[in-house]
Amino acid sequence: MRFLRTDNDVAALFMRLALGVVFFPHGAQKVLGWFGGYGAGATVQGFAKMGMPPVLTILVMAAELGGAVLLIVGFLTRLAALGIGCVMLGAIVLVHSKVGFFMNWAGSQKGEGFEYHLLALGLAIALLIKGGGALSIDGALAGHDVHAAYPASPTM
């Protein structure tokens, strides 16, 4: 299946783990109330106050938490990356572009800039292109040899 196609690239493994590990706590805050978050109900209400329809908020929560889990295990990598990429693009366009590029390290801005979101979007796009890479369920389902990423040295 073309959607699952990937190679055993170790770089893709690191990209999907980095993006998945970073997004898991963000999604868990919104959905489960972990890591200082408020949970699904409060997230839907909070996003509604910013003008976001509940169905879109649910898609954001699914992309962040579900997408993170899918990326970590390397299953449906492209779908997960697409979801997270869309969330990041939406966050840049609707919220963070008004603040500027830089994050608010000094606390002198009215919000956070979009530099973090741009990095996450870049990783998501790279994963859309590459797929899950090494040690992914996608690769296993597509029938790739786990050892193909590390070919044996030629013998003389």
N, C-alpha and C. Protein backbone atom coordinates (compact mmCIF):
# COMPACT_ATOMS: atom_id res chain seq x y z
N MET A 1 0.84 -1.18 0.00
CA MET A 1 0.00 0.00 0.00
C MET A 1 0.89 1.24 0.00
N ARG A 2 0.64 2.13 -0.92
CA ARG A 2 1.47 3.31 -1.11
C ARG A 2 1.47 4.24 0.10
N PHE A 3 0.34 4.35 0.78
CA PHE A 3 0.20 5.23 1.94
C PHE A 3 1.14 4.83 3.08
N LEU A 4 1.42 3.54 3.20
CA LEU A 4 2.30 3.04 4.26
C LEU A 4 3.75 2.93 3.82
N ARG A 5 4.00 3.08 2.52
CA ARG A 5 5.34 2.86 1.99
C ARG A 5 6.37 3.75 2.68
N THR A 6 7.47 3.14 3.05
CA THR A 6 8.57 3.86 3.68
C THR A 6 9.83 3.03 3.49
N ASP A 7 10.94 3.61 3.81
CA ASP A 7 12.18 2.83 3.81
C ASP A 7 12.63 2.68 5.27
N ASN A 8 13.77 2.13 5.48
CA ASN A 8 14.25 1.93 6.84
C ASN A 8 15.18 3.06 7.28
N ASP A 9 14.84 4.26 6.90
CA ASP A 9 15.64 5.44 7.22
C ASP A 9 15.57 5.74 8.72
N VAL A 10 16.72 5.78 9.34
CA VAL A 10 16.79 6.07 10.78
C VAL A 10 16.44 7.53 11.05
N ALA A 11 16.72 8.42 10.11
CA ALA A 11 16.38 9.84 10.29
C ALA A 11 14.86 10.00 10.45
N ALA A 12 14.07 9.26 9.68
CA ALA A 12 12.61 9.33 9.81
C ALA A 12 12.16 8.83 11.18
N LEU A 13 12.84 7.81 11.69
CA LEU A 13 12.55 7.31 13.04
C LEU A 13 12.73 8.44 14.05
N PHE A 14 13.85 9.14 13.99
CA PHE A 14 14.11 10.22 14.94
C PHE A 14 13.14 11.38 14.76
N MET A 15 12.78 11.69 13.52
CA MET A 15 11.82 12.77 13.28
C MET A 15 10.46 12.44 13.88
N ARG A 16 9.99 11.21 13.63
CA ARG A 16 8.65 10.89 14.14
C ARG A 16 8.63 10.75 15.65
N LEU A 17 9.73 10.24 16.24
CA LEU A 17 9.78 10.16 17.70
C LEU A 17 9.83 11.55 18.32
N ALA A 18 10.64 12.44 17.75
CA ALA A 18 10.72 13.80 18.28
C ALA A 18 9.36 14.49 18.22
N LEU A 19 8.70 14.42 17.07
CA LEU A 19 7.40 15.07 16.92
C LEU A 19 6.35 14.41 17.82
N GLY A 20 6.35 13.10 17.88
CA GLY A 20 5.39 12.39 18.71
C GLY A 20 5.58 12.65 20.20
N VAL A 21 6.82 12.63 20.66
CA VAL A 21 7.10 12.84 22.09
C VAL A 21 6.77 14.28 22.49
N VAL A 22 7.00 15.24 21.61
CA VAL A 22 6.66 16.63 21.92
C VAL A 22 5.15 16.83 21.93
N PHE A 23 4.45 16.19 21.01
CA PHE A 23 3.01 16.42 20.92
C PHE A 23 2.19 15.61 21.91
N PHE A 24 2.72 14.52 22.42
CA PHE A 24 1.94 13.72 23.36
C PHE A 24 1.49 14.54 24.57
N PRO A 25 2.39 15.26 25.26
CA PRO A 25 1.91 16.04 26.41
C PRO A 25 0.93 17.15 26.03
N HIS A 26 1.10 17.76 24.85
CA HIS A 26 0.15 18.79 24.42
C HIS A 26 -1.24 18.19 24.24
N GLY A 27 -1.30 17.04 23.58
CA GLY A 27 -2.59 16.38 23.40
C GLY A 27 -3.15 15.88 24.72
N ALA A 28 -2.29 15.35 25.59
CA ALA A 28 -2.75 14.84 26.89
C ALA A 28 -3.29 15.97 27.77
N GLN A 29 -2.73 17.17 27.64
CA GLN A 29 -3.27 18.32 28.37
C GLN A 29 -4.70 18.59 27.92
N LYS A 30 -4.89 18.63 26.62
CA LYS A 30 -6.19 18.99 26.07
C LYS A 30 -7.24 17.91 26.27
N VAL A 31 -6.85 16.66 26.11
CA VAL A 31 -7.82 15.57 26.15
C VAL A 31 -8.00 14.99 27.55
N LEU A 32 -6.90 14.73 28.24
CA LEU A 32 -6.94 13.99 29.51
C LEU A 32 -6.77 14.86 30.76
N GLY A 33 -6.37 16.10 30.57
CA GLY A 33 -6.13 16.96 31.72
C GLY A 33 -4.80 16.68 32.41
N TRP A 34 -3.92 15.97 31.75
CA TRP A 34 -2.59 15.68 32.31
C TRP A 34 -1.67 16.88 32.11
N PHE A 35 -0.54 16.86 32.79
CA PHE A 35 0.52 17.86 32.62
C PHE A 35 -0.01 19.29 32.79
N GLY A 36 -0.93 19.47 33.73
CA GLY A 36 -1.45 20.81 34.00
C GLY A 36 -2.56 21.26 33.08
N GLY A 37 -3.05 20.36 32.24
CA GLY A 37 -4.14 20.71 31.32
C GLY A 37 -5.50 20.64 32.00
N TYR A 38 -6.53 20.96 31.25
CA TYR A 38 -7.88 21.02 31.81
C TYR A 38 -8.81 19.94 31.32
N GLY A 39 -8.38 19.13 30.37
CA GLY A 39 -9.22 18.06 29.87
C GLY A 39 -10.07 18.47 28.68
N ALA A 40 -10.77 17.49 28.13
CA ALA A 40 -11.49 17.67 26.88
C ALA A 40 -12.62 18.70 26.98
N GLY A 41 -13.44 18.60 28.00
CA GLY A 41 -14.58 19.51 28.11
C GLY A 41 -14.15 20.97 28.21
N ALA A 42 -13.17 21.23 29.05
CA ALA A 42 -12.69 22.60 29.22
C ALA A 42 -11.97 23.08 27.96
N THR A 43 -11.30 22.17 27.26
CA THR A 43 -10.64 22.56 26.02
C THR A 43 -11.66 22.97 24.97
N VAL A 44 -12.72 22.19 24.83
CA VAL A 44 -13.77 22.55 23.87
C VAL A 44 -14.38 23.90 24.23
N GLN A 45 -14.65 24.13 25.51
CA GLN A 45 -15.22 25.41 25.94
C GLN A 45 -14.25 26.56 25.72
N GLY A 46 -12.97 26.35 26.05
CA GLY A 46 -11.98 27.39 25.88
C GLY A 46 -11.76 27.77 24.43
N PHE A 47 -11.70 26.76 23.56
CA PHE A 47 -11.53 27.04 22.14
C PHE A 47 -12.78 27.70 21.56
N ALA A 48 -13.97 27.35 22.09
CA ALA A 48 -15.21 27.98 21.63
C ALA A 48 -15.20 29.46 21.94
N LYS A 49 -14.62 29.86 23.07
CA LYS A 49 -14.51 31.28 23.42
C LYS A 49 -13.61 32.03 22.44
N MET A 50 -12.71 31.30 21.78
CA MET A 50 -11.85 31.91 20.76
C MET A 50 -12.49 31.82 19.38
N GLY A 51 -13.72 31.27 19.31
CA GLY A 51 -14.44 31.20 18.05
C GLY A 51 -14.27 29.91 17.27
N MET A 52 -13.66 28.89 17.88
CA MET A 52 -13.45 27.63 17.17
C MET A 52 -14.63 26.69 17.41
N PRO A 53 -15.22 26.15 16.35
CA PRO A 53 -16.33 25.20 16.51
C PRO A 53 -15.87 23.94 17.23
N PRO A 54 -16.77 23.34 18.02
CA PRO A 54 -16.41 22.13 18.78
C PRO A 54 -15.86 21.00 17.92
N VAL A 55 -16.40 20.80 16.72
CA VAL A 55 -15.93 19.70 15.88
C VAL A 55 -14.48 19.93 15.47
N LEU A 56 -14.10 21.16 15.24
CA LEU A 56 -12.71 21.46 14.88
C LEU A 56 -11.79 21.27 16.09
N THR A 57 -12.27 21.64 17.26
CA THR A 57 -11.49 21.43 18.49
C THR A 57 -11.26 19.94 18.72
N ILE A 58 -12.27 19.13 18.47
CA ILE A 58 -12.12 17.67 18.63
C ILE A 58 -11.09 17.13 17.63
N LEU A 59 -11.09 17.65 16.41
CA LEU A 59 -10.08 17.24 15.43
C LEU A 59 -8.68 17.65 15.88
N VAL A 60 -8.54 18.83 16.46
CA VAL A 60 -7.24 19.27 16.98
C VAL A 60 -6.78 18.32 18.08
N MET A 61 -7.68 18.00 19.00
CA MET A 61 -7.31 17.09 20.10
C MET A 61 -6.93 15.71 19.58
N ALA A 62 -7.67 15.22 18.60
CA ALA A 62 -7.36 13.91 18.02
C ALA A 62 -6.02 13.94 17.31
N ALA A 63 -5.76 15.01 16.58
CA ALA A 63 -4.49 15.13 15.86
C ALA A 63 -3.32 15.18 16.83
N GLU A 64 -3.47 15.93 17.92
CA GLU A 64 -2.36 16.07 18.85
C GLU A 64 -2.12 14.81 19.68
N LEU A 65 -3.14 14.26 20.29
CA LEU A 65 -2.92 13.07 21.14
C LEU A 65 -2.85 11.80 20.30
N GLY A 66 -3.84 11.58 19.46
CA GLY A 66 -3.83 10.39 18.62
C GLY A 66 -2.67 10.39 17.64
N GLY A 67 -2.41 11.55 17.03
CA GLY A 67 -1.29 11.67 16.11
C GLY A 67 0.04 11.39 16.78
N ALA A 68 0.20 11.88 18.00
CA ALA A 68 1.44 11.63 18.74
C ALA A 68 1.66 10.14 18.98
N VAL A 69 0.62 9.45 19.42
CA VAL A 69 0.74 8.01 19.67
C VAL A 69 1.05 7.27 18.38
N LEU A 70 0.36 7.63 17.30
CA LEU A 70 0.62 6.98 16.01
C LEU A 70 2.06 7.23 15.55
N LEU A 71 2.56 8.43 15.73
CA LEU A 71 3.94 8.72 15.34
C LEU A 71 4.93 7.92 16.17
N ILE A 72 4.71 7.82 17.45
CA ILE A 72 5.64 7.11 18.33
C ILE A 72 5.77 5.65 17.91
N VAL A 73 4.66 5.03 17.55
CA VAL A 73 4.73 3.62 17.13
C VAL A 73 4.95 3.46 15.63
N GLY A 74 4.85 4.55 14.89
CA GLY A 74 5.09 4.48 13.45
C GLY A 74 3.97 3.84 12.66
N PHE A 75 2.73 4.06 13.09
CA PHE A 75 1.58 3.50 12.39
C PHE A 75 0.76 4.65 11.80
N LEU A 76 0.44 4.55 10.52
CA LEU A 76 -0.27 5.61 9.80
C LEU A 76 0.47 6.94 9.96
N THR A 77 1.78 6.87 9.80
CA THR A 77 2.66 8.02 10.02
C THR A 77 2.24 9.22 9.20
N ARG A 78 1.94 9.01 7.94
CA ARG A 78 1.58 10.14 7.08
C ARG A 78 0.28 10.80 7.53
N LEU A 79 -0.69 10.02 7.96
CA LEU A 79 -1.94 10.58 8.46
C LEU A 79 -1.70 11.39 9.73
N ALA A 80 -0.91 10.83 10.63
CA ALA A 80 -0.59 11.54 11.88
C ALA A 80 0.16 12.83 11.60
N ALA A 81 1.13 12.77 10.69
CA ALA A 81 1.90 13.96 10.35
C ALA A 81 1.01 15.01 9.67
N LEU A 82 0.09 14.57 8.83
CA LEU A 82 -0.83 15.50 8.19
C LEU A 82 -1.69 16.21 9.24
N GLY A 83 -2.20 15.46 10.19
CA GLY A 83 -3.03 16.06 11.24
C GLY A 83 -2.26 17.09 12.06
N ILE A 84 -1.07 16.72 12.49
CA ILE A 84 -0.26 17.65 13.29
C ILE A 84 0.16 18.84 12.43
N GLY A 85 0.50 18.59 11.19
CA GLY A 85 0.87 19.69 10.30
C GLY A 85 -0.27 20.68 10.11
N CYS A 86 -1.47 20.17 9.95
CA CYS A 86 -2.64 21.05 9.81
C CYS A 86 -2.87 21.87 11.08
N VAL A 87 -2.72 21.24 12.23
CA VAL A 87 -2.87 21.95 13.50
C VAL A 87 -1.83 23.06 13.60
N MET A 88 -0.60 22.77 13.23
CA MET A 88 0.46 23.78 13.32
C MET A 88 0.24 24.91 12.32
N LEU A 89 -0.18 24.58 11.11
CA LEU A 89 -0.46 25.62 10.12
C LEU A 89 -1.60 26.51 10.60
N GLY A 90 -2.65 25.90 11.14
CA GLY A 90 -3.76 26.66 11.69
C GLY A 90 -3.34 27.54 12.85
N ALA A 91 -2.49 27.02 13.72
CA ALA A 91 -2.01 27.81 14.85
C ALA A 91 -1.18 29.01 14.39
N ILE A 92 -0.36 28.79 13.37
CA ILE A 92 0.44 29.90 12.84
C ILE A 92 -0.46 30.97 12.25
N VAL A 93 -1.37 30.56 11.37
CA VAL A 93 -2.21 31.52 10.64
C VAL A 93 -3.21 32.23 11.56
N LEU A 94 -3.86 31.48 12.44
CA LEU A 94 -4.95 32.04 13.23
C LEU A 94 -4.52 32.73 14.52
N VAL A 95 -3.36 32.33 15.07
CA VAL A 95 -2.99 32.83 16.39
C VAL A 95 -1.60 33.47 16.42
N HIS A 96 -0.60 32.71 16.07
CA HIS A 96 0.78 33.10 16.40
C HIS A 96 1.43 34.05 15.42
N SER A 97 0.97 34.14 14.18
CA SER A 97 1.57 35.07 13.22
C SER A 97 1.36 36.52 13.65
N LYS A 98 0.31 36.77 14.41
CA LYS A 98 0.03 38.13 14.89
C LYS A 98 1.06 38.60 15.91
N VAL A 99 1.71 37.64 16.57
CA VAL A 99 2.67 37.95 17.62
C VAL A 99 4.06 38.19 17.03
N GLY A 100 4.37 37.44 15.98
CA GLY A 100 5.69 37.54 15.37
C GLY A 100 6.38 36.19 15.36
N PHE A 101 7.63 36.22 14.96
CA PHE A 101 8.38 34.97 14.78
C PHE A 101 8.82 34.34 16.10
N PHE A 102 9.36 35.14 17.00
CA PHE A 102 10.03 34.58 18.18
C PHE A 102 9.08 34.18 19.29
N MET A 103 9.51 33.13 20.02
CA MET A 103 8.78 32.74 21.22
C MET A 103 8.94 33.84 22.26
N ASN A 104 8.17 33.79 23.29
CA ASN A 104 8.12 34.85 24.30
C ASN A 104 9.03 34.53 25.49
N TRP A 105 10.31 34.39 25.22
CA TRP A 105 11.26 33.99 26.27
C TRP A 105 11.32 35.01 27.40
N ALA A 106 11.28 36.29 27.07
CA ALA A 106 11.44 37.33 28.08
C ALA A 106 10.12 37.78 28.70
N GLY A 107 9.01 37.27 28.19
CA GLY A 107 7.71 37.67 28.72
C GLY A 107 7.30 39.08 28.31
N SER A 108 7.90 39.60 27.26
CA SER A 108 7.63 40.97 26.85
C SER A 108 6.64 41.06 25.68
N GLN A 109 6.19 39.93 25.15
CA GLN A 109 5.24 39.91 24.04
C GLN A 109 3.85 39.56 24.54
N LYS A 110 2.87 39.84 23.73
CA LYS A 110 1.49 39.45 24.05
C LYS A 110 1.19 38.11 23.40
N GLY A 111 1.87 37.07 23.84
CA GLY A 111 1.69 35.73 23.30
C GLY A 111 2.99 35.16 22.79
N GLU A 112 2.88 34.02 22.15
CA GLU A 112 4.04 33.32 21.61
C GLU A 112 4.11 33.47 20.11
N GLY A 113 5.32 33.61 19.60
CA GLY A 113 5.55 33.65 18.17
C GLY A 113 5.42 32.26 17.57
N PHE A 114 5.71 32.15 16.29
CA PHE A 114 5.44 30.90 15.58
C PHE A 114 6.68 30.07 15.27
N GLU A 115 7.84 30.35 15.87
CA GLU A 115 9.04 29.59 15.53
C GLU A 115 8.91 28.10 15.88
N TYR A 116 8.35 27.77 17.03
CA TYR A 116 8.12 26.38 17.41
C TYR A 116 7.18 25.69 16.42
N HIS A 117 6.14 26.37 16.05
CA HIS A 117 5.13 25.80 15.16
C HIS A 117 5.72 25.52 13.78
N LEU A 118 6.61 26.41 13.35
CA LEU A 118 7.28 26.23 12.06
C LEU A 118 8.19 25.00 12.07
N LEU A 119 8.89 24.78 13.17
CA LEU A 119 9.72 23.58 13.29
C LEU A 119 8.86 22.31 13.25
N ALA A 120 7.78 22.32 14.00
CA ALA A 120 6.89 21.15 14.01
C ALA A 120 6.28 20.92 12.63
N LEU A 121 5.90 21.99 11.95
CA LEU A 121 5.36 21.88 10.60
C LEU A 121 6.41 21.30 9.65
N GLY A 122 7.65 21.72 9.78
CA GLY A 122 8.72 21.17 8.95
C GLY A 122 8.92 19.69 9.17
N LEU A 123 8.89 19.24 10.42
CA LEU A 123 8.99 17.80 10.71
C LEU A 123 7.80 17.05 10.13
N ALA A 124 6.62 17.62 10.26
CA ALA A 124 5.43 16.96 9.73
C ALA A 124 5.52 16.80 8.21
N ILE A 125 5.97 17.84 7.53
CA ILE A 125 6.11 17.76 6.07
C ILE A 125 7.15 16.71 5.68
N ALA A 126 8.27 16.68 6.40
CA ALA A 126 9.30 15.68 6.11
C ALA A 126 8.76 14.27 6.29
N LEU A 127 7.93 14.05 7.32
CA LEU A 127 7.35 12.73 7.54
C LEU A 127 6.28 12.39 6.50
N LEU A 128 5.58 13.39 6.00
CA LEU A 128 4.65 13.14 4.89
C LEU A 128 5.40 12.62 3.68
N ILE A 129 6.59 13.14 3.46
CA ILE A 129 7.41 12.73 2.32
C ILE A 129 8.05 11.37 2.56
N LYS A 130 8.68 11.19 3.72
CA LYS A 130 9.48 10.00 4.01
C LYS A 130 8.67 8.81 4.52
N GLY A 131 7.61 9.05 5.25
CA GLY A 131 6.93 7.96 5.93
C GLY A 131 7.59 7.67 7.26
N GLY A 132 7.23 6.55 7.85
CA GLY A 132 7.64 6.22 9.21
C GLY A 132 9.09 5.84 9.39
N GLY A 133 9.74 5.36 8.36
CA GLY A 133 11.15 5.01 8.48
C GLY A 133 11.39 3.74 9.28
N ALA A 134 12.58 3.67 9.85
CA ALA A 134 13.01 2.48 10.58
C ALA A 134 12.12 2.22 11.80
N LEU A 135 11.96 0.95 12.10
CA LEU A 135 11.22 0.49 13.28
C LEU A 135 9.79 1.01 13.34
N SER A 136 9.16 1.15 12.19
CA SER A 136 7.77 1.60 12.15
C SER A 136 6.85 0.44 11.83
N ILE A 137 5.64 0.52 12.34
CA ILE A 137 4.61 -0.46 11.98
C ILE A 137 4.31 -0.34 10.49
N ASP A 138 4.32 0.89 9.98
CA ASP A 138 4.10 1.09 8.54
C ASP A 138 5.07 0.25 7.73
N GLY A 139 6.35 0.32 8.07
CA GLY A 139 7.38 -0.45 7.35
C GLY A 139 7.16 -1.94 7.47
N ALA A 140 6.77 -2.38 8.66
CA ALA A 140 6.52 -3.81 8.87
C ALA A 140 5.34 -4.28 8.01
N LEU A 141 4.28 -3.48 7.97
CA LEU A 141 3.11 -3.84 7.17
C LEU A 141 3.41 -3.81 5.68
N ALA A 142 4.31 -2.92 5.29
CA ALA A 142 4.70 -2.83 3.89
C ALA A 142 5.71 -3.90 3.51
N GLY A 143 6.17 -4.69 4.49
CA GLY A 143 7.04 -5.82 4.22
C GLY A 143 8.51 -5.49 4.10
N HIS A 144 8.97 -4.45 4.80
CA HIS A 144 10.38 -4.11 4.74
C HIS A 144 11.19 -4.92 5.73
N ASP A 145 12.38 -5.26 5.33
CA ASP A 145 13.33 -5.97 6.19
C ASP A 145 13.90 -4.98 7.20
N VAL A 146 13.79 -5.30 8.48
CA VAL A 146 14.28 -4.43 9.55
C VAL A 146 15.78 -4.18 9.40
N HIS A 147 16.51 -5.14 8.90
CA HIS A 147 17.96 -5.01 8.81
C HIS A 147 18.41 -4.27 7.55
N ALA A 148 17.50 -3.90 6.68
CA ALA A 148 17.89 -3.25 5.43
C ALA A 148 18.52 -1.89 5.66
N ALA A 149 18.22 -1.25 6.79
CA ALA A 149 18.82 0.05 7.09
C ALA A 149 20.28 -0.09 7.45
N TYR A 150 20.68 -1.27 7.85
CA TYR A 150 22.05 -1.50 8.28
C TYR A 150 22.62 -2.67 7.47
N PRO A 151 22.95 -2.42 6.22
CA PRO A 151 23.45 -3.54 5.41
C PRO A 151 24.79 -4.05 5.94
N ALA A 152 24.97 -5.34 5.77
CA ALA A 152 26.23 -5.95 6.20
C ALA A 152 27.35 -5.41 5.33
N SER A 153 28.51 -5.30 5.93
CA SER A 153 29.66 -4.83 5.15
C SER A 153 30.07 -5.89 4.14
N PRO A 154 30.54 -5.45 2.99
CA PRO A 154 30.91 -6.42 1.95
C PRO A 154 32.10 -7.28 2.42
N THR A 155 32.05 -8.52 2.01
CA THR A 155 33.14 -9.44 2.36
C THR A 155 34.07 -9.59 1.17
N MET A 156 35.29 -9.86 1.46
CA MET A 156 36.28 -10.05 0.39
C MET A 156 36.68 -11.48 0.29
